[in-house]
Amino acid sequence: KDAMKSILPFFLFFVSSSLSVGGKGPNPKLSESVDSIVTDAINGMYSYGLDSDGGIKGMDNGLTWKTGCFYSANVDANDWRGNFVGVDPRLSDALNRVRKHWPNNFIGNDWDDDPEWWSIMSIRYYETYGDAEYLQLAKNVWEYIANWTIPATGKCGQGGVIESHSAYYLASIATTLNIVNSAKLYYHTREKKHLDAALLSKGFIERYTLKGGCVIDGVAYDHDCGLVGPCYTYNSGIYIMGLVALAQSTGDDSYYTSALSFTKGIMNKKEWYDKDGVLYRKETDCHDGSTFNGQLVRGIAYLYDYKPEDKSVEQWLTRQYKAVITKDRNGNLYGPYWNGPLLNQTSCTQQSVMDVITASYVLDKYSDRFVPKTFKISNKPSGILSYDSVSKSIIISSNQKYSTWELIPAPNSHFYIQLKGQNQFLSADQKSLSLSAKNGNSNQIWKIIPTGDGAFYKISNKANSFVLDSRCKSSNNPVVPSPNQSNDCQKWKLEAK
């Protein structure tokens, strides 16, 4: 099997009032927005067509881990775009085909990392659209992988995951993917077995394969437990993603600190870059290695989304993105070399850049050039979320006067909710809602959580996890923060204005 896996980098090119570059061909015009660049790249990928099993035409033979990586990038783009409009119909069609091929899990061969890539896609799909079936698919994969993970009492490499059942190879990529999936499942289920698995696999990486500032490919379980292979970029990228997932799921920022320190070393690993500091690989076809660099970019993009604070990380991501969109693009199609020359474009080379392209949303939304999106927020059974300037309260209303809200990104995929034109932000305590000047406190920070009920969402406060609740009251009644429950009074639709 071809070495290992990853996807790609990104670089932001700031012009005028937004992160933009643009145009068609290798010399783009300085007019194209991030949104149009990402949308064009996704359109370019789908232009190759779908196989009956949901695979992308021209990409290997049948469904592979790389197909799962593209669909993950598509989900990330829909999430990070922040439009709250539901599933891309093409993605829905593709995954319906995949589900018919693999109804209960994504296990198509004896390579354990393959279903793990699809499992990450499933969890991100659940996080973006709220479809609980996809969370269950990830749980099914996790139970399967648990049977191929070395237990704490096992021979060399406790917590390592056997990638190939025939070779008994403890692969860093299968193990780092287990960190990500287990930590994310712990976040959503709070089942201790998931956290235990994430920490055991993290321990394997740090005891055995984390050497010289990068993650070596693996351990030969059936040959004296010796280290095998070089440092591939995707092993390190998914390790970073795993540390970020642990920080998110436990609230322990020491995992983020470790991830940032490791990332700074990776960004200076000169043998991985060309003279301009752009990631480089030799593959021009569907070799697995063509996808490795993208997975490093993906991990570092997740790190930056969690805490968009480190300038060197921003600059590194920007460098990769700028190279891809200015040196490796012909219309909406991309070639194999991020920094040029522009050569033949295929579905495989397109997939290899998708994580670089979609991560531009992360860079854009935390820049000082970001233009907030404006929404009307409607309750499912009642009226519109509004501000009553007389009572100075947040109410349900049919009156449109103070009912337009701007969503301003906050770290870790949260938002501030600002009343448009008023410089006042939605704030919560245990009993009531109010507007106040921005202060950065967690009671002003909100997460938009999909319910799985079409385009309806819960709006959850970071400070206490209470959600906006209309109590299904009629117009001019207060909206209150309440504990999360399964009822329509807490469901909201965000419609762009």
Foldseek 3Di string as FASTA:
>chain_A
DFAAFAFFFAAFDDDDQFRAWAPFDLATHRPGHLLVLLVLLLVVLCVQDADQQLARPQQPPDDWLLSLLLLLLVLLLLQLVPQLAADDVSSVVSVVSNCVVVVQFNDDAQFLLGRLSNLSSLLSCCFRAVDVSSVNRNVVSLVVQVVQAADPPGPQQHLFGQGGPVQRWRFLSSLLSLLLSLLSNCLVPVDVVSVVSNVRSLVSQVVAACPPLAGATTFRRPPNRHGDHGGFLLSRLSNLSSLLSNCVRPVDCVSLVVSVVSVVSVQPPVVQADPQSEGDDDDFGNRNSLRRHNSNNLSLLSSCLQPVDDPVSNRNSSSQNVQQSNAAGGRNFGGRGSNDDHDDTDSNSSSNCSSSSSSVSSSGLPDPSHDWFKWWKAFPLEATFFADPVVQFTWGAPDPPFGMWTWRDDGPQKTWIHGPPPQWTWFADQWGIGTDHDDPDQRRIWHWGHNSPRSKTWIAGRVPRFTWFNVSDYHPHGITTDHDDPDRRRIIHIHTD
